[in-house]
């Protein structure tokens, strides 16, 4: 895979995703990690990832949030699962909106 990430060349790639959930003040509520295979890139639905369980997860169609993963073993903190040589990495911060 080249270093250039496009909607055409990420389909079928394995991605390791890190999500940080925070409140409106920037305090961390939860952190999660998971991995899966990118199955589709769609302007309206975003980037669709199929987790090993078969569950689908979507991310916004922001290719700049993906980078080529250095080879190696990645241990998921929450589960202890080891992901070997994923193709891509992506990290996101999700800010909880103010409650009404």
PDB file of N, CA and C in Angstrom:
ATOM      1  N   UNK A   1       0.843  -1.187   0.000  1.00  0.00           N
ATOM      2  CA  UNK A   1       0.000   0.000   0.000  1.00  0.00           C
ATOM      3  C   UNK A   1       0.880   1.239   0.000  1.00  0.00           C
ATOM      4  N   UNK A   2       0.522   2.202  -0.817  1.00  0.00           N
ATOM      5  CA  UNK A   2       1.278   3.446  -0.832  1.00  0.00           C
ATOM      6  C   UNK A   2       0.877   4.281   0.371  1.00  0.00           C
ATOM      7  N   UNK A   3       1.640   5.339   0.593  1.00  0.00           N
ATOM      8  CA  UNK A   3       1.314   6.227   1.711  1.00  0.00           C
ATOM      9  C   UNK A   3       0.100   7.094   1.427  1.00  0.00           C
ATOM     10  N   UNK A   4      -0.291   7.188   0.158  1.00  0.00           N
ATOM     11  CA  UNK A   4      -1.472   7.977  -0.175  1.00  0.00           C
ATOM     12  C   UNK A   4      -2.718   7.140   0.077  1.00  0.00           C
ATOM     13  N   UNK A   5      -3.598   7.680   0.880  1.00  0.00           N
ATOM     14  CA  UNK A   5      -4.822   6.957   1.228  1.00  0.00           C
ATOM     15  C   UNK A   5      -5.975   7.552   0.440  1.00  0.00           C
ATOM     16  N   UNK A   6      -6.616   6.687  -0.352  1.00  0.00           N
ATOM     17  CA  UNK A   6      -7.749   7.121  -1.159  1.00  0.00           C
ATOM     18  C   UNK A   6      -8.937   6.205  -0.877  1.00  0.00           C
ATOM     19  N   UNK A   7     -10.105   6.650  -1.270  1.00  0.00           N
ATOM     20  CA  UNK A   7     -11.303   5.832  -1.043  1.00  0.00           C
ATOM     21  C   UNK A   7     -11.224   4.522  -1.825  1.00  0.00           C
ATOM     22  N   UNK A   8     -10.468   4.504  -2.905  1.00  0.00           N
ATOM     23  CA  UNK A   8     -10.341   3.286  -3.697  1.00  0.00           C
ATOM     24  C   UNK A   8      -9.376   2.278  -3.062  1.00  0.00           C
ATOM     25  N   UNK A   9      -8.294   2.765  -2.431  1.00  0.00           N
ATOM     26  CA  UNK A   9      -7.295   1.808  -1.957  1.00  0.00           C
ATOM     27  C   UNK A   9      -7.434   1.408  -0.491  1.00  0.00           C
ATOM     28  N   UNK A  10      -8.435   1.919   0.221  1.00  0.00           N
ATOM     29  CA  UNK A  10      -8.582   1.477   1.615  1.00  0.00           C
ATOM     30  C   UNK A  10      -9.625   0.370   1.782  1.00  0.00           C
ATOM     31  N   UNK A  11     -10.472   0.172   0.793  1.00  0.00           N
ATOM     32  CA  UNK A  11     -11.468  -0.897   0.894  1.00  0.00           C
ATOM     33  C   UNK A  11     -10.739  -2.240   0.935  1.00  0.00           C
ATOM     34  N   UNK A  12     -11.115  -3.062   1.903  1.00  0.00           N
ATOM     35  CA  UNK A  12     -10.480  -4.364   2.083  1.00  0.00           C
ATOM     36  C   UNK A  12      -9.310  -4.335   3.052  1.00  0.00           C
ATOM     37  N   UNK A  13      -8.936  -3.146   3.517  1.00  0.00           N
ATOM     38  CA  UNK A  13      -7.806  -3.018   4.435  1.00  0.00           C
ATOM     39  C   UNK A  13      -8.264  -3.176   5.882  1.00  0.00           C
ATOM     40  N   UNK A  14      -7.359  -3.686   6.718  1.00  0.00           N
ATOM     41  CA  UNK A  14      -7.611  -3.827   8.146  1.00  0.00           C
ATOM     42  C   UNK A  14      -7.229  -2.530   8.843  1.00  0.00           C
ATOM     43  N   UNK A  15      -8.112  -2.043   9.701  1.00  0.00           N
ATOM     44  CA  UNK A  15      -7.869  -0.779  10.395  1.00  0.00           C
ATOM     45  C   UNK A  15      -8.031  -0.967  11.899  1.00  0.00           C
ATOM     46  N   UNK A  16      -7.138  -0.346  12.644  1.00  0.00           N
ATOM     47  CA  UNK A  16      -7.205  -0.301  14.098  1.00  0.00           C
ATOM     48  C   UNK A  16      -7.682   1.096  14.462  1.00  0.00           C
ATOM     49  N   UNK A  17      -8.772   1.164  15.225  1.00  0.00           N
ATOM     50  CA  UNK A  17      -9.422   2.437  15.526  1.00  0.00           C
ATOM     51  C   UNK A  17      -9.381   2.709  17.018  1.00  0.00           C
ATOM     52  N   UNK A  18      -9.043   3.937  17.368  1.00  0.00           N
ATOM     53  CA  UNK A  18      -9.097   4.383  18.750  1.00  0.00           C
ATOM     54  C   UNK A  18     -10.079   5.528  18.869  1.00  0.00           C
ATOM     55  N   UNK A  19     -11.024   5.404  19.789  1.00  0.00           N
ATOM     56  CA  UNK A  19     -12.012   6.457  20.038  1.00  0.00           C
ATOM     57  C   UNK A  19     -11.852   6.968  21.466  1.00  0.00           C
ATOM     58  N   UNK A  20     -11.763   8.273  21.614  1.00  0.00           N
ATOM     59  CA  UNK A  20     -11.775   8.902  22.928  1.00  0.00           C
ATOM     60  C   UNK A  20     -13.067   9.682  23.035  1.00  0.00           C
ATOM     61  N   UNK A  21     -13.873   9.353  24.032  1.00  0.00           N
ATOM     62  CA  UNK A  21     -15.129  10.065  24.272  1.00  0.00           C
ATOM     63  C   UNK A  21     -14.876  11.062  25.389  1.00  0.00           C
ATOM     64  N   UNK A  22     -15.262  12.306  25.164  1.00  0.00           N
ATOM     65  CA  UNK A  22     -15.057  13.329  26.188  1.00  0.00           C
ATOM     66  C   UNK A  22     -16.320  14.151  26.372  1.00  0.00           C
ATOM     67  N   UNK A  23     -16.378  14.822  27.537  1.00  0.00           N
ATOM     68  CA  UNK A  23     -17.520  15.696  27.776  1.00  0.00           C
ATOM     69  C   UNK A  23     -17.242  17.066  27.164  1.00  0.00           C
ATOM     70  N   UNK A  24     -18.185  17.977  27.302  1.00  0.00           N
ATOM     71  CA  UNK A  24     -18.066  19.299  26.674  1.00  0.00           C
ATOM     72  C   UNK A  24     -16.882  20.097  27.195  1.00  0.00           C
ATOM     73  N   UNK A  25     -16.343  19.702  28.369  1.00  0.00           N
ATOM     74  CA  UNK A  25     -15.201  20.403  28.952  1.00  0.00           C
ATOM     75  C   UNK A  25     -13.870  19.752  28.594  1.00  0.00           C
ATOM     76  N   UNK A  26     -13.916  18.713  27.776  1.00  0.00           N
ATOM     77  CA  UNK A  26     -12.696  18.040  27.367  1.00  0.00           C
ATOM     78  C   UNK A  26     -12.226  16.965  28.328  1.00  0.00           C
ATOM     79  N   UNK A  27     -13.045  16.621  29.325  1.00  0.00           N
ATOM     80  CA  UNK A  27     -12.694  15.548  30.264  1.00  0.00           C
ATOM     81  C   UNK A  27     -13.013  14.201  29.622  1.00  0.00           C
ATOM     82  N   UNK A  28     -12.067  13.278  29.711  1.00  0.00           N
ATOM     83  CA  UNK A  28     -12.259  11.965  29.102  1.00  0.00           C
ATOM     84  C   UNK A  28     -13.297  11.159  29.877  1.00  0.00           C
ATOM     85  N   UNK A  29     -14.276  10.662  29.151  1.00  0.00           N
ATOM     86  CA  UNK A  29     -15.326   9.821  29.721  1.00  0.00           C
ATOM     87  C   UNK A  29     -14.968   8.353  29.532  1.00  0.00           C
ATOM     88  N   UNK A  30     -14.491   8.022  28.330  1.00  0.00           N
ATOM     89  CA  UNK A  30     -14.217   6.629  27.984  1.00  0.00           C
ATOM     90  C   UNK A  30     -13.260   6.592  26.804  1.00  0.00           C
ATOM     91  N   UNK A  31     -12.459   5.546  26.753  1.00  0.00           N
ATOM     92  CA  UNK A  31     -11.609   5.289  25.593  1.00  0.00           C
ATOM     93  C   UNK A  31     -11.873   3.862  25.136  1.00  0.00           C
ATOM     94  N   UNK A  32     -11.934   3.681  23.831  1.00  0.00           N
ATOM     95  CA  UNK A  32     -12.145   2.334  23.309  1.00  0.00           C
ATOM     96  C   UNK A  32     -11.291   2.114  22.074  1.00  0.00           C
ATOM     97  N   UNK A  33     -10.951   0.869  21.864  1.00  0.00           N
ATOM     98  CA  UNK A  33     -10.192   0.467  20.694  1.00  0.00           C
ATOM     99  C   UNK A  33     -10.875  -0.750  20.088  1.00  0.00           C
ATOM    100  N   UNK A  34     -10.861  -0.805  18.775  1.00  0.00           N
ATOM    101  CA  UNK A  34     -11.368  -1.978  18.083  1.00  0.00           C
ATOM    102  C   UNK A  34     -10.754  -2.008  16.695  1.00  0.00           C
ATOM    103  N   UNK A  35     -10.984  -3.098  16.010  1.00  0.00           N
ATOM    104  CA  UNK A  35     -10.434  -3.220  14.669  1.00  0.00           C
ATOM    105  C   UNK A  35     -11.448  -3.886  13.763  1.00  0.00           C
ATOM    106  N   UNK A  36     -11.197  -3.789  12.475  1.00  0.00           N
ATOM    107  CA  UNK A  36     -12.076  -4.416  11.509  1.00  0.00           C
ATOM    108  C   UNK A  36     -11.551  -4.194  10.103  1.00  0.00           C
ATOM    109  N   UNK A  37     -12.354  -4.587   9.145  1.00  0.00           N
ATOM    110  CA  UNK A  37     -12.011  -4.460   7.736  1.00  0.00           C
ATOM    111  C   UNK A  37     -12.899  -3.407   7.102  1.00  0.00           C
ATOM    112  N   UNK A  38     -12.304  -2.499   6.368  1.00  0.00           N
ATOM    113  CA  UNK A  38     -13.086  -1.468   5.675  1.00  0.00           C
ATOM    114  C   UNK A  38     -13.785  -2.134   4.495  1.00  0.00           C
ATOM    115  N   UNK A  39     -15.110  -2.045   4.495  1.00  0.00           N
ATOM    116  CA  UNK A  39     -15.883  -2.718   3.446  1.00  0.00           C
ATOM    117  C   UNK A  39     -16.429  -1.764   2.394  1.00  0.00           C
ATOM    118  N   UNK A  40     -16.541  -0.469   2.751  1.00  0.00           N
ATOM    119  CA  UNK A  40     -17.139   0.469   1.807  1.00  0.00           C
ATOM    120  C   UNK A  40     -16.794   1.891   2.207  1.00  0.00           C
ATOM    121  N   UNK A  41     -16.651   2.741   1.201  1.00  0.00           N
ATOM    122  CA  UNK A  41     -16.510   4.179   1.433  1.00  0.00           C
ATOM    123  C   UNK A  41     -17.635   4.827   0.660  1.00  0.00           C
ATOM    124  N   UNK A  42     -18.496   5.534   1.380  1.00  0.00           N
ATOM    125  CA  UNK A  42     -19.701   6.105   0.795  1.00  0.00           C
ATOM    126  C   UNK A  42     -19.846   7.548   1.288  1.00  0.00           C
ATOM    127  N   UNK A  43     -20.077   8.481   0.383  1.00  0.00           N
ATOM    128  CA  UNK A  43     -20.177   9.886   0.783  1.00  0.00           C
ATOM    129  C   UNK A  43     -21.259  10.138   1.815  1.00  0.00           C
ATOM    130  N   UNK A  44     -22.379   9.440   1.715  1.00  0.00           N
ATOM    131  CA  UNK A  44     -23.480   9.699   2.649  1.00  0.00           C
ATOM    132  C   UNK A  44     -23.367   8.877   3.934  1.00  0.00           C
ATOM    133  N   UNK A  45     -22.902   7.626   3.847  1.00  0.00           N
ATOM    134  CA  UNK A  45     -22.807   6.763   5.035  1.00  0.00           C
ATOM    135  C   UNK A  45     -21.447   6.825   5.701  1.00  0.00           C
ATOM    136  N   UNK A  46     -20.430   7.283   4.984  1.00  0.00           N
ATOM    137  CA  UNK A  46     -19.097   7.374   5.544  1.00  0.00           C
ATOM    138  C   UNK A  46     -18.262   6.156   5.217  1.00  0.00           C
ATOM    139  N   UNK A  47     -17.295   5.883   6.084  1.00  0.00           N
ATOM    140  CA  UNK A  47     -16.402   4.746   5.919  1.00  0.00           C
ATOM    141  C   UNK A  47     -16.950   3.612   6.777  1.00  0.00           C
ATOM    142  N   UNK A  48     -17.296   2.516   6.138  1.00  0.00           N
ATOM    143  CA  UNK A  48     -17.949   1.399   6.809  1.00  0.00           C
ATOM    144  C   UNK A  48     -16.910   0.341   7.153  1.00  0.00           C
ATOM    145  N   UNK A  49     -16.872  -0.022   8.432  1.00  0.00           N
ATOM    146  CA  UNK A  49     -15.937  -1.030   8.928  1.00  0.00           C
ATOM    147  C   UNK A  49     -16.733  -2.216   9.426  1.00  0.00           C
ATOM    148  N   UNK A  50     -16.314  -3.410   9.034  1.00  0.00           N
ATOM    149  CA  UNK A  50     -16.931  -4.635   9.534  1.00  0.00           C
ATOM    150  C   UNK A  50     -16.020  -5.185  10.629  1.00  0.00           C
ATOM    151  N   UNK A  51     -16.550  -5.237  11.864  1.00  0.00           N
ATOM    152  CA  UNK A  51     -15.790  -5.782  12.981  1.00  0.00           C
ATOM    153  C   UNK A  51     -15.748  -7.307  12.860  1.00  0.00           C
ATOM    154  N   UNK A  52     -14.829  -7.967  13.569  1.00  0.00           N
ATOM    155  CA  UNK A  52     -14.758  -9.434  13.506  1.00  0.00           C
ATOM    156  C   UNK A  52     -16.072 -10.121  13.902  1.00  0.00           C
ATOM    157  N   UNK A  53     -16.888  -9.446  14.708  1.00  0.00           N
ATOM    158  CA  UNK A  53     -18.180 -10.006  15.124  1.00  0.00           C
ATOM    159  C   UNK A  53     -19.230  -9.932  14.026  1.00  0.00           C
ATOM    160  N   UNK A  54     -18.920  -9.193  12.932  1.00  0.00           N
ATOM    161  CA  UNK A  54     -19.885  -8.992  11.864  1.00  0.00           C
ATOM    162  C   UNK A  54     -20.630  -7.679  11.997  1.00  0.00           C
ATOM    163  N   UNK A  55     -20.529  -7.046  13.160  1.00  0.00           N
ATOM    164  CA  UNK A  55     -21.177  -5.751  13.380  1.00  0.00           C
ATOM    165  C   UNK A  55     -20.508  -4.699  12.503  1.00  0.00           C
ATOM    166  N   UNK A  56     -21.322  -3.816  11.929  1.00  0.00           N
ATOM    167  CA  UNK A  56     -20.785  -2.725  11.126  1.00  0.00           C
ATOM    168  C   UNK A  56     -20.671  -1.466  11.961  1.00  0.00           C
ATOM    169  N   UNK A  57     -19.644  -0.688  11.680  1.00  0.00           N
ATOM    170  CA  UNK A  57     -19.409   0.585  12.357  1.00  0.00           C
ATOM    171  C   UNK A  57     -19.056   1.589  11.276  1.00  0.00           C
ATOM    172  N   UNK A  58     -19.571   2.795  11.390  1.00  0.00           N
ATOM    173  CA  UNK A  58     -19.241   3.794  10.374  1.00  0.00           C
ATOM    174  C   UNK A  58     -18.533   4.991  10.996  1.00  0.00           C
ATOM    175  N   UNK A  59     -17.614   5.522  10.227  1.00  0.00           N
ATOM    176  CA  UNK A  59     -16.881   6.730  10.586  1.00  0.00           C
ATOM    177  C   UNK A  59     -17.157   7.776   9.520  1.00  0.00           C
ATOM    178  N   UNK A  60     -16.985   9.050   9.854  1.00  0.00           N
ATOM    179  CA  UNK A  60     -17.162  10.076   8.821  1.00  0.00           C
ATOM    180  C   UNK A  60     -16.204   9.849   7.647  1.00  0.00           C
ATOM    181  N   UNK A  61     -16.573  10.301   6.455  1.00  0.00           N
ATOM    182  CA  UNK A  61     -15.730  10.086   5.283  1.00  0.00           C
ATOM    183  C   UNK A  61     -14.536  11.043   5.257  1.00  0.00           C
ATOM    184  N   UNK A  62     -13.690  10.948   6.273  1.00  0.00           N
ATOM    185  CA  UNK A  62     -12.533  11.829   6.420  1.00  0.00           C
ATOM    186  C   UNK A  62     -11.258  11.012   6.268  1.00  0.00           C
ATOM    187  N   UNK A  63     -10.794  10.878   5.047  1.00  0.00           N
ATOM    188  CA  UNK A  63      -9.629  10.051   4.772  1.00  0.00           C
ATOM    189  C   UNK A  63      -8.368  10.559   5.459  1.00  0.00           C
ATOM    190  N   UNK A  64      -8.318  11.865   5.758  1.00  0.00           N
ATOM    191  CA  UNK A  64      -7.137  12.419   6.433  1.00  0.00           C
ATOM    192  C   UNK A  64      -6.959  11.861   7.847  1.00  0.00           C
ATOM    193  N   UNK A  65      -7.984  11.223   8.390  1.00  0.00           N
ATOM    194  CA  UNK A  65      -7.916  10.665   9.747  1.00  0.00           C
ATOM    195  C   UNK A  65      -7.316   9.255   9.755  1.00  0.00           C
ATOM    196  N   UNK A  66      -6.891   8.761   8.609  1.00  0.00           N
ATOM    197  CA  UNK A  66      -6.298   7.431   8.500  1.00  0.00           C
ATOM    198  C   UNK A  66      -4.827   7.565   8.141  1.00  0.00           C
ATOM    199  N   UNK A  67      -4.016   6.696   8.726  1.00  0.00           N
ATOM    200  CA  UNK A  67      -2.595   6.666   8.387  1.00  0.00           C
ATOM    201  C   UNK A  67      -2.149   5.216   8.230  1.00  0.00           C
ATOM    202  N   UNK A  68      -1.084   5.027   7.482  1.00  0.00           N
ATOM    203  CA  UNK A  68      -0.528   3.695   7.286  1.00  0.00           C
ATOM    204  C   UNK A  68       0.090   3.241   8.612  1.00  0.00           C
ATOM    205  N   UNK A  69      -0.242   2.031   9.034  1.00  0.00           N
ATOM    206  CA  UNK A  69       0.240   1.495  10.315  1.00  0.00           C
ATOM    207  C   UNK A  69       1.640   0.900  10.150  1.00  0.00           C
ATOM    208  N   UNK A  70       2.541   1.252  11.046  1.00  0.00           N
ATOM    209  CA  UNK A  70       3.834   0.558  11.033  1.00  0.00           C
ATOM    210  C   UNK A  70       3.613  -0.921  11.353  1.00  0.00           C
ATOM    211  N   UNK A  71       4.378  -1.824  10.747  1.00  0.00           N
ATOM    212  CA  UNK A  71       4.219  -3.253  11.042  1.00  0.00           C
ATOM    213  C   UNK A  71       4.442  -3.530  12.532  1.00  0.00           C
ATOM    214  N   UNK A  72       3.715  -4.495  13.045  1.00  0.00           N
ATOM    215  CA  UNK A  72       3.905  -4.869  14.442  1.00  0.00           C
ATOM    216  C   UNK A  72       2.648  -5.431  15.064  1.00  0.00           C
ATOM    217  N   UNK A  73       2.754  -5.685  16.365  1.00  0.00           N
ATOM    218  CA  UNK A  73       1.626  -6.187  17.142  1.00  0.00           C
ATOM    219  C   UNK A  73       1.062  -5.048  17.980  1.00  0.00           C
ATOM    220  N   UNK A  74      -0.248  -4.904  17.950  1.00  0.00           N
ATOM    221  CA  UNK A  74      -0.943  -3.855  18.683  1.00  0.00           C
ATOM    222  C   UNK A  74      -1.889  -4.512  19.681  1.00  0.00           C
ATOM    223  N   UNK A  75      -1.685  -4.239  20.951  1.00  0.00           N
ATOM    224  CA  UNK A  75      -2.519  -4.844  21.992  1.00  0.00           C
ATOM    225  C   UNK A  75      -3.622  -3.863  22.386  1.00  0.00           C
ATOM    226  N   UNK A  76      -4.862  -4.325  22.293  1.00  0.00           N
ATOM    227  CA  UNK A  76      -6.003  -3.499  22.684  1.00  0.00           C
ATOM    228  C   UNK A  76      -6.095  -3.480  24.207  1.00  0.00           C
ATOM    229  N   UNK A  77      -6.058  -2.281  24.774  1.00  0.00           N
ATOM    230  CA  UNK A  77      -6.051  -2.147  26.232  1.00  0.00           C
ATOM    231  C   UNK A  77      -7.302  -2.721  26.890  1.00  0.00           C
ATOM    232  N   UNK A  78      -8.438  -2.528  26.260  1.00  0.00           N
ATOM    233  CA  UNK A  78      -9.693  -2.938  26.898  1.00  0.00           C
ATOM    234  C   UNK A  78      -9.905  -4.442  26.899  1.00  0.00           C
ATOM    235  N   UNK A  79      -9.407  -5.136  25.874  1.00  0.00           N
ATOM    236  CA  UNK A  79      -9.683  -6.573  25.761  1.00  0.00           C
ATOM    237  C   UNK A  79      -8.434  -7.447  25.855  1.00  0.00           C
ATOM    238  N   UNK A  80      -7.268  -6.854  25.679  1.00  0.00           N
ATOM    239  CA  UNK A  80      -6.042  -7.633  25.662  1.00  0.00           C
ATOM    240  C   UNK A  80      -5.792  -8.317  24.327  1.00  0.00           C
ATOM    241  N   UNK A  81      -6.721  -8.176  23.407  1.00  0.00           N
ATOM    242  CA  UNK A  81      -6.590  -8.776  22.079  1.00  0.00           C
ATOM    243  C   UNK A  81      -5.390  -8.163  21.352  1.00  0.00           C
ATOM    244  N   UNK A  82      -4.694  -8.980  20.586  1.00  0.00           N
ATOM    245  CA  UNK A  82      -3.540  -8.505  19.825  1.00  0.00           C
ATOM    246  C   UNK A  82      -3.891  -8.512  18.342  1.00  0.00           C
ATOM    247  N   UNK A  83      -3.699  -7.366  17.709  1.00  0.00           N
ATOM    248  CA  UNK A  83      -3.924  -7.227  16.275  1.00  0.00           C
ATOM    249  C   UNK A  83      -2.545  -7.164  15.625  1.00  0.00           C
ATOM    250  N   UNK A  84      -2.284  -8.081  14.707  1.00  0.00           N
ATOM    251  CA  UNK A  84      -0.975  -8.175  14.067  1.00  0.00           C
ATOM    252  C   UNK A  84      -1.005  -7.503  12.698  1.00  0.00           C
ATOM    253  N   UNK A  85      -0.100  -6.574  12.511  1.00  0.00           N
ATOM    254  CA  UNK A  85       0.111  -5.897  11.224  1.00  0.00           C
ATOM    255  C   UNK A  85      -1.164  -5.346  10.575  1.00  0.00           C
ATOM    256  N   UNK A  86      -1.917  -4.491  11.278  1.00  0.00           N
ATOM    257  CA  UNK A  86      -3.037  -3.853  10.587  1.00  0.00           C
ATOM    258  C   UNK A  86      -2.492  -2.967   9.467  1.00  0.00           C
ATOM    259  N   UNK A  87      -3.314  -2.700   8.478  1.00  0.00           N
ATOM    260  CA  UNK A  87      -2.886  -1.849   7.364  1.00  0.00           C
ATOM    261  C   UNK A  87      -2.917  -0.370   7.742  1.00  0.00           C
ATOM    262  N   UNK A  88      -3.949   0.002   8.524  1.00  0.00           N
ATOM    263  CA  UNK A  88      -4.189   1.416   8.815  1.00  0.00           C
ATOM    264  C   UNK A  88      -4.462   1.654  10.293  1.00  0.00           C
ATOM    265  N   UNK A  89      -4.242   2.903  10.719  1.00  0.00           N
ATOM    266  CA  UNK A  89      -4.607   3.365  12.062  1.00  0.00           C
ATOM    267  C   UNK A  89      -5.510   4.577  11.906  1.00  0.00           C
ATOM    268  N   UNK A  90      -6.431   4.740  12.853  1.00  0.00           N
ATOM    269  CA  UNK A  90      -7.286   5.925  12.845  1.00  0.00           C
ATOM    270  C   UNK A  90      -7.701   6.239  14.279  1.00  0.00           C
ATOM    271  N   UNK A  91      -7.527   7.484  14.687  1.00  0.00           N
ATOM    272  CA  UNK A  91      -7.944   7.891  16.029  1.00  0.00           C
ATOM    273  C   UNK A  91      -8.919   9.055  15.923  1.00  0.00           C
ATOM    274  N   UNK A  92      -9.867   9.032  16.829  1.00  0.00           N
ATOM    275  CA  UNK A  92     -10.933  10.030  16.816  1.00  0.00           C
ATOM    276  C   UNK A  92     -11.234  10.481  18.239  1.00  0.00           C
ATOM    277  N   UNK A  93     -11.634  11.745  18.375  1.00  0.00           N
ATOM    278  CA  UNK A  93     -12.147  12.262  19.651  1.00  0.00           C
ATOM    279  C   UNK A  93     -13.597  12.634  19.421  1.00  0.00           C
ATOM    280  N   UNK A  94     -14.467  12.090  20.251  1.00  0.00           N
ATOM    281  CA  UNK A  94     -15.897  12.334  20.147  1.00  0.00           C
ATOM    282  C   UNK A  94     -16.305  13.157  21.365  1.00  0.00           C
ATOM    283  N   UNK A  95     -16.817  14.353  21.119  1.00  0.00           N
ATOM    284  CA  UNK A  95     -17.233  15.230  22.208  1.00  0.00           C
ATOM    285  C   UNK A  95     -18.739  15.131  22.398  1.00  0.00           C
ATOM    286  N   UNK A  96     -19.125  14.806  23.627  1.00  0.00           N
ATOM    287  CA  UNK A  96     -20.548  14.685  23.950  1.00  0.00           C
ATOM    288  C   UNK A  96     -21.172  16.087  23.905  1.00  0.00           C
ATOM    289  N   UNK A  97     -22.298  16.222  23.205  1.00  0.00           N
ATOM    290  CA  UNK A  97     -22.937  17.546  23.135  1.00  0.00           C
ATOM    291  C   UNK A  97     -23.523  17.945  24.483  1.00  0.00           C
ATOM    292  N   UNK A  98     -23.713  19.246  24.647  1.00  0.00           N
ATOM    293  CA  UNK A  98     -24.333  19.727  25.886  1.00  0.00           C
ATOM    294  C   UNK A  98     -25.739  19.190  25.989  1.00  0.00           C
ATOM    295  N   UNK A  99     -26.120  18.843  27.215  1.00  0.00           N
ATOM    296  CA  UNK A  99     -27.481  18.350  27.419  1.00  0.00           C
ATOM    297  C   UNK A  99     -28.419  19.541  27.485  1.00  0.00           C
ATOM    298  N   UNK A 100     -29.612  19.323  26.956  1.00  0.00           N
ATOM    299  CA  UNK A 100     -30.597  20.414  26.942  1.00  0.00           C
ATOM    300  C   UNK A 100     -31.402  20.441  28.208  1.00  0.00           C
TER     301      UNK A 100
END
